[in-house]
């Protein structure tokens, strides 16, 4: 699994750095990220927009694709994208469960 430095990390900057660590061009990575709807690769321009934080991935499927191809953690990508994974959204959690999870997440991180 690839480890990326932790300055001010955005989804796009994390993808760009992971891609560069694997010595991939944007064109190469874009060709390996397949859309769920039609199985076609995303465009290099769409990837460029993601890496420059002008666009966000539109689905869990794309986030999973990026994680797999770049050998990075999908959960962290979901966090960076600001989206909960579909598997969690499907659990139909109660308001109290969600509140408790966010409270636990907000507890100070002890290093």
N, C-alpha and C. Protein backbone atom coordinates (compact mmCIF):
# COMPACT_ATOMS: atom_id res chain seq x y z
N UNK A 1 0.83 -1.17 0.00
CA UNK A 1 0.00 0.00 0.00
C UNK A 1 0.89 1.24 0.00
N UNK A 2 0.54 2.23 -0.81
CA UNK A 2 1.31 3.45 -0.96
C UNK A 2 1.03 4.38 0.22
N UNK A 3 2.09 5.01 0.74
CA UNK A 3 1.94 6.00 1.80
C UNK A 3 2.25 7.36 1.21
N UNK A 4 1.39 8.32 1.47
CA UNK A 4 1.51 9.67 0.93
C UNK A 4 1.69 10.64 2.09
N UNK A 5 2.48 11.70 1.88
CA UNK A 5 2.69 12.68 2.95
C UNK A 5 1.39 13.36 3.32
N UNK A 6 1.32 13.91 4.53
CA UNK A 6 0.05 14.37 5.10
C UNK A 6 -0.06 15.88 5.29
N UNK A 7 0.39 16.72 4.37
CA UNK A 7 0.20 18.16 4.52
C UNK A 7 -1.29 18.45 4.41
N UNK A 8 -1.67 19.45 3.65
CA UNK A 8 -3.10 19.69 3.38
C UNK A 8 -3.48 18.81 2.21
N UNK A 9 -4.07 17.67 2.50
CA UNK A 9 -4.36 16.67 1.48
C UNK A 9 -5.79 16.84 0.99
N UNK A 10 -5.94 16.83 -0.33
CA UNK A 10 -7.26 16.81 -0.95
C UNK A 10 -7.34 15.50 -1.74
N UNK A 11 -8.55 15.15 -2.15
CA UNK A 11 -8.72 13.95 -2.96
C UNK A 11 -7.82 14.04 -4.20
N UNK A 12 -7.88 15.17 -4.88
CA UNK A 12 -7.11 15.33 -6.11
C UNK A 12 -5.61 15.27 -5.90
N UNK A 13 -5.12 15.95 -4.87
CA UNK A 13 -3.67 15.94 -4.63
C UNK A 13 -3.19 14.55 -4.22
N UNK A 14 -4.03 13.82 -3.50
CA UNK A 14 -3.67 12.47 -3.08
C UNK A 14 -3.59 11.53 -4.29
N UNK A 15 -4.56 11.66 -5.19
CA UNK A 15 -4.55 10.84 -6.42
C UNK A 15 -3.32 11.18 -7.25
N UNK A 16 -3.04 12.46 -7.43
CA UNK A 16 -1.90 12.89 -8.25
C UNK A 16 -0.58 12.36 -7.69
N UNK A 17 -0.42 12.47 -6.38
CA UNK A 17 0.83 12.03 -5.77
C UNK A 17 0.97 10.51 -5.85
N UNK A 18 -0.11 9.78 -5.62
CA UNK A 18 -0.07 8.32 -5.72
C UNK A 18 0.26 7.89 -7.16
N UNK A 19 -0.33 8.56 -8.12
CA UNK A 19 -0.06 8.26 -9.54
C UNK A 19 1.41 8.49 -9.87
N UNK A 20 1.95 9.61 -9.41
CA UNK A 20 3.35 9.93 -9.68
C UNK A 20 4.29 8.95 -9.01
N UNK A 21 3.94 8.49 -7.80
CA UNK A 21 4.78 7.50 -7.11
C UNK A 21 4.86 6.19 -7.89
N UNK A 22 3.82 5.90 -8.68
CA UNK A 22 3.83 4.70 -9.51
C UNK A 22 4.34 4.98 -10.92
N UNK A 23 4.86 6.19 -11.13
CA UNK A 23 5.40 6.62 -12.43
C UNK A 23 4.41 6.44 -13.56
N UNK A 24 3.16 6.80 -13.31
CA UNK A 24 2.11 6.72 -14.31
C UNK A 24 1.80 8.11 -14.84
N UNK A 25 1.51 8.18 -16.11
CA UNK A 25 1.02 9.43 -16.67
C UNK A 25 -0.48 9.53 -16.41
N UNK A 26 -1.01 10.73 -16.57
CA UNK A 26 -2.45 10.88 -16.43
C UNK A 26 -3.18 10.05 -17.47
N UNK A 27 -2.63 10.01 -18.66
CA UNK A 27 -3.26 9.24 -19.74
C UNK A 27 -3.30 7.75 -19.38
N UNK A 28 -2.20 7.22 -18.81
CA UNK A 28 -2.16 5.81 -18.42
C UNK A 28 -3.17 5.50 -17.32
N UNK A 29 -3.22 6.38 -16.31
CA UNK A 29 -4.16 6.13 -15.21
C UNK A 29 -5.60 6.24 -15.71
N UNK A 30 -5.89 7.26 -16.48
CA UNK A 30 -7.26 7.43 -16.99
C UNK A 30 -7.72 6.20 -17.77
N UNK A 31 -6.82 5.59 -18.51
CA UNK A 31 -7.17 4.40 -19.30
C UNK A 31 -7.52 3.20 -18.43
N UNK A 32 -7.06 3.21 -17.17
CA UNK A 32 -7.30 2.08 -16.27
C UNK A 32 -8.48 2.29 -15.33
N UNK A 33 -9.05 3.49 -15.31
CA UNK A 33 -10.20 3.80 -14.46
C UNK A 33 -11.45 3.73 -15.32
N UNK A 34 -12.24 2.68 -15.10
CA UNK A 34 -13.40 2.42 -15.95
C UNK A 34 -14.69 2.88 -15.29
N UNK A 35 -15.51 3.57 -16.07
CA UNK A 35 -16.82 4.02 -15.59
C UNK A 35 -17.73 2.81 -15.41
N UNK A 36 -18.57 2.88 -14.42
CA UNK A 36 -19.50 1.78 -14.13
C UNK A 36 -20.59 1.67 -15.19
N UNK A 37 -21.05 2.81 -15.69
CA UNK A 37 -22.19 2.83 -16.61
C UNK A 37 -21.93 2.06 -17.89
N UNK A 38 -20.74 2.25 -18.47
CA UNK A 38 -20.48 1.66 -19.79
C UNK A 38 -19.16 0.91 -19.89
N UNK A 39 -18.39 0.85 -18.80
CA UNK A 39 -17.13 0.13 -18.83
C UNK A 39 -16.03 0.82 -19.61
N UNK A 40 -16.28 2.05 -20.02
CA UNK A 40 -15.29 2.82 -20.77
C UNK A 40 -14.38 3.58 -19.81
N UNK A 41 -13.13 3.85 -20.22
CA UNK A 41 -12.23 4.59 -19.34
C UNK A 41 -12.65 6.06 -19.22
N UNK A 42 -12.28 6.64 -18.10
CA UNK A 42 -12.50 8.08 -17.94
C UNK A 42 -11.53 8.81 -18.87
N UNK A 43 -11.81 10.05 -19.15
CA UNK A 43 -10.94 10.81 -20.04
C UNK A 43 -9.76 11.38 -19.25
N UNK A 44 -8.63 11.57 -19.92
CA UNK A 44 -7.49 12.22 -19.25
C UNK A 44 -7.88 13.62 -18.73
N UNK A 45 -8.75 14.33 -19.44
CA UNK A 45 -9.18 15.66 -18.99
C UNK A 45 -9.97 15.57 -17.69
N UNK A 46 -10.84 14.55 -17.58
CA UNK A 46 -11.60 14.36 -16.34
C UNK A 46 -10.64 14.07 -15.18
N UNK A 47 -9.64 13.22 -15.42
CA UNK A 47 -8.64 12.93 -14.39
C UNK A 47 -7.88 14.20 -14.03
N UNK A 48 -7.50 14.98 -15.01
CA UNK A 48 -6.80 16.24 -14.75
C UNK A 48 -7.65 17.14 -13.87
N UNK A 49 -8.94 17.23 -14.17
CA UNK A 49 -9.85 18.05 -13.35
C UNK A 49 -9.95 17.52 -11.92
N UNK A 50 -9.96 16.20 -11.75
CA UNK A 50 -9.97 15.61 -10.41
C UNK A 50 -8.69 15.97 -9.66
N UNK A 51 -7.54 15.77 -10.32
CA UNK A 51 -6.26 16.04 -9.66
C UNK A 51 -6.09 17.51 -9.29
N UNK A 52 -6.73 18.39 -10.01
CA UNK A 52 -6.65 19.82 -9.72
C UNK A 52 -7.83 20.30 -8.85
N UNK A 53 -8.59 19.33 -8.32
CA UNK A 53 -9.72 19.60 -7.42
C UNK A 53 -10.79 20.48 -8.06
N UNK A 54 -10.93 20.36 -9.37
CA UNK A 54 -12.01 21.07 -10.07
C UNK A 54 -13.25 20.18 -10.17
N UNK A 55 -13.06 18.88 -10.02
CA UNK A 55 -14.17 17.92 -10.05
C UNK A 55 -13.92 16.87 -8.98
N UNK A 56 -14.98 16.18 -8.61
CA UNK A 56 -14.88 15.09 -7.64
C UNK A 56 -15.34 13.81 -8.32
N UNK A 57 -14.87 12.66 -7.83
CA UNK A 57 -15.37 11.41 -8.40
C UNK A 57 -16.87 11.32 -8.15
N UNK A 58 -17.58 10.80 -9.11
CA UNK A 58 -19.03 10.81 -9.03
C UNK A 58 -19.64 9.58 -8.38
N UNK A 59 -18.84 8.57 -8.10
CA UNK A 59 -19.43 7.34 -7.57
C UNK A 59 -18.45 6.58 -6.70
N UNK A 60 -19.02 5.69 -5.89
CA UNK A 60 -18.20 4.76 -5.11
C UNK A 60 -17.36 3.91 -6.04
N UNK A 61 -17.94 3.55 -7.18
CA UNK A 61 -17.24 2.71 -8.15
C UNK A 61 -15.92 3.36 -8.58
N UNK A 62 -15.95 4.64 -8.90
CA UNK A 62 -14.72 5.32 -9.31
C UNK A 62 -13.71 5.38 -8.18
N UNK A 63 -14.19 5.65 -6.97
CA UNK A 63 -13.28 5.68 -5.82
C UNK A 63 -12.61 4.32 -5.64
N UNK A 64 -13.39 3.25 -5.76
CA UNK A 64 -12.83 1.89 -5.65
C UNK A 64 -11.81 1.63 -6.76
N UNK A 65 -12.11 2.11 -7.97
CA UNK A 65 -11.19 1.93 -9.10
C UNK A 65 -9.86 2.63 -8.81
N UNK A 66 -9.92 3.88 -8.35
CA UNK A 66 -8.69 4.61 -8.03
C UNK A 66 -7.89 3.87 -6.96
N UNK A 67 -8.57 3.40 -5.92
CA UNK A 67 -7.88 2.70 -4.83
C UNK A 67 -7.18 1.45 -5.36
N UNK A 68 -7.86 0.68 -6.17
CA UNK A 68 -7.30 -0.57 -6.68
C UNK A 68 -6.09 -0.31 -7.58
N UNK A 69 -6.27 0.56 -8.55
CA UNK A 69 -5.21 0.82 -9.53
C UNK A 69 -4.00 1.47 -8.87
N UNK A 70 -4.23 2.39 -7.95
CA UNK A 70 -3.14 3.12 -7.31
C UNK A 70 -2.62 2.45 -6.04
N UNK A 71 -3.24 1.33 -5.66
CA UNK A 71 -2.83 0.57 -4.48
C UNK A 71 -2.86 1.44 -3.22
N UNK A 72 -3.99 2.13 -3.05
CA UNK A 72 -4.18 2.98 -1.88
C UNK A 72 -5.50 2.60 -1.21
N UNK A 73 -5.71 3.09 -0.01
CA UNK A 73 -6.85 2.69 0.80
C UNK A 73 -8.14 3.38 0.35
N UNK A 74 -9.14 2.60 0.00
CA UNK A 74 -10.43 3.14 -0.46
C UNK A 74 -11.13 3.92 0.65
N UNK A 75 -11.03 3.48 1.89
CA UNK A 75 -11.69 4.19 2.99
C UNK A 75 -11.14 5.61 3.11
N UNK A 76 -9.82 5.76 2.96
CA UNK A 76 -9.23 7.10 3.04
C UNK A 76 -9.68 7.95 1.86
N UNK A 77 -9.81 7.35 0.69
CA UNK A 77 -10.31 8.09 -0.47
C UNK A 77 -11.75 8.55 -0.25
N UNK A 78 -12.57 7.69 0.36
CA UNK A 78 -13.94 8.10 0.69
C UNK A 78 -13.92 9.29 1.64
N UNK A 79 -13.06 9.23 2.63
CA UNK A 79 -12.92 10.35 3.57
C UNK A 79 -12.54 11.63 2.83
N UNK A 80 -11.52 11.55 1.97
CA UNK A 80 -11.07 12.73 1.24
C UNK A 80 -12.14 13.27 0.29
N UNK A 81 -12.96 12.38 -0.24
CA UNK A 81 -14.00 12.81 -1.18
C UNK A 81 -15.22 13.36 -0.44
N UNK A 82 -15.28 13.13 0.87
CA UNK A 82 -16.42 13.60 1.65
C UNK A 82 -17.67 12.76 1.46
N UNK A 83 -17.48 11.51 1.02
CA UNK A 83 -18.61 10.63 0.76
C UNK A 83 -18.49 9.35 1.58
N UNK A 84 -19.59 8.94 2.17
CA UNK A 84 -19.59 7.66 2.86
C UNK A 84 -19.72 6.54 1.82
N UNK A 85 -19.02 5.44 2.02
CA UNK A 85 -19.16 4.32 1.10
C UNK A 85 -20.59 3.80 1.06
N UNK A 86 -20.98 3.31 -0.10
CA UNK A 86 -22.34 2.78 -0.30
C UNK A 86 -22.67 1.71 0.74
N UNK A 87 -21.71 0.84 1.06
CA UNK A 87 -21.98 -0.23 2.02
C UNK A 87 -22.39 0.31 3.38
N UNK A 88 -21.89 1.47 3.76
CA UNK A 88 -22.28 2.08 5.03
C UNK A 88 -23.64 2.76 4.89
N UNK A 89 -23.86 3.46 3.78
CA UNK A 89 -25.15 4.12 3.56
C UNK A 89 -26.29 3.11 3.52
N UNK A 90 -26.03 1.90 3.05
CA UNK A 90 -27.07 0.88 2.95
C UNK A 90 -27.45 0.27 4.29
N UNK A 91 -26.70 0.52 5.32
CA UNK A 91 -26.99 -0.05 6.64
C UNK A 91 -28.22 0.55 7.29
N UNK A 92 -28.68 1.67 6.78
CA UNK A 92 -29.88 2.30 7.32
C UNK A 92 -29.73 2.55 8.82
N UNK A 93 -28.64 3.22 9.19
CA UNK A 93 -28.35 3.49 10.59
C UNK A 93 -29.35 4.49 11.18
N UNK A 94 -29.57 4.35 12.45
CA UNK A 94 -30.45 5.29 13.13
C UNK A 94 -29.72 6.62 13.33
N UNK A 95 -30.48 7.65 13.64
CA UNK A 95 -29.89 8.96 13.91
C UNK A 95 -28.90 8.86 15.07
N UNK A 96 -29.25 8.10 16.10
CA UNK A 96 -28.36 7.95 17.26
C UNK A 96 -27.07 7.23 16.89
N UNK A 97 -27.15 6.22 16.03
CA UNK A 97 -25.95 5.50 15.59
C UNK A 97 -25.01 6.42 14.83
N UNK A 98 -25.58 7.23 13.95
CA UNK A 98 -24.77 8.15 13.15
C UNK A 98 -24.13 9.19 14.06
N UNK A 99 -24.91 9.73 14.98
CA UNK A 99 -24.40 10.73 15.91
C UNK A 99 -23.25 10.14 16.74
N UNK A 100 -23.40 8.93 17.25
CA UNK A 100 -22.36 8.28 18.05
C UNK A 100 -21.09 8.07 17.21
N UNK A 101 -21.25 7.69 15.97
CA UNK A 101 -20.09 7.46 15.10
C UNK A 101 -19.34 8.78 14.86
N UNK A 102 -20.06 9.86 14.61
CA UNK A 102 -19.41 11.14 14.40
C UNK A 102 -18.76 11.65 15.67
N UNK A 103 -19.37 11.42 16.81
CA UNK A 103 -18.76 11.83 18.08
C UNK A 103 -17.45 11.07 18.30
N UNK A 104 -17.46 9.78 18.00
CA UNK A 104 -16.24 8.99 18.16
C UNK A 104 -15.16 9.47 17.20
N UNK A 105 -15.57 9.84 16.02
CA UNK A 105 -14.62 10.34 15.00
C UNK A 105 -14.02 11.68 15.42
N UNK A 106 -14.78 12.47 16.14
CA UNK A 106 -14.31 13.80 16.55
C UNK A 106 -13.42 13.78 17.79
N UNK A 107 -13.34 12.66 18.48
CA UNK A 107 -12.47 12.59 19.67
C UNK A 107 -11.05 12.93 19.25
N UNK A 108 -10.33 13.63 20.12
CA UNK A 108 -8.95 14.02 19.78
C UNK A 108 -8.10 12.81 19.42
N UNK A 109 -7.30 12.98 18.40
CA UNK A 109 -6.39 11.93 17.95
C UNK A 109 -5.14 11.96 18.82
N UNK A 110 -4.87 10.89 19.51
CA UNK A 110 -3.69 10.80 20.38
C UNK A 110 -2.56 10.15 19.61
N UNK A 111 -1.49 10.89 19.42
CA UNK A 111 -0.33 10.39 18.66
C UNK A 111 0.75 9.88 19.55
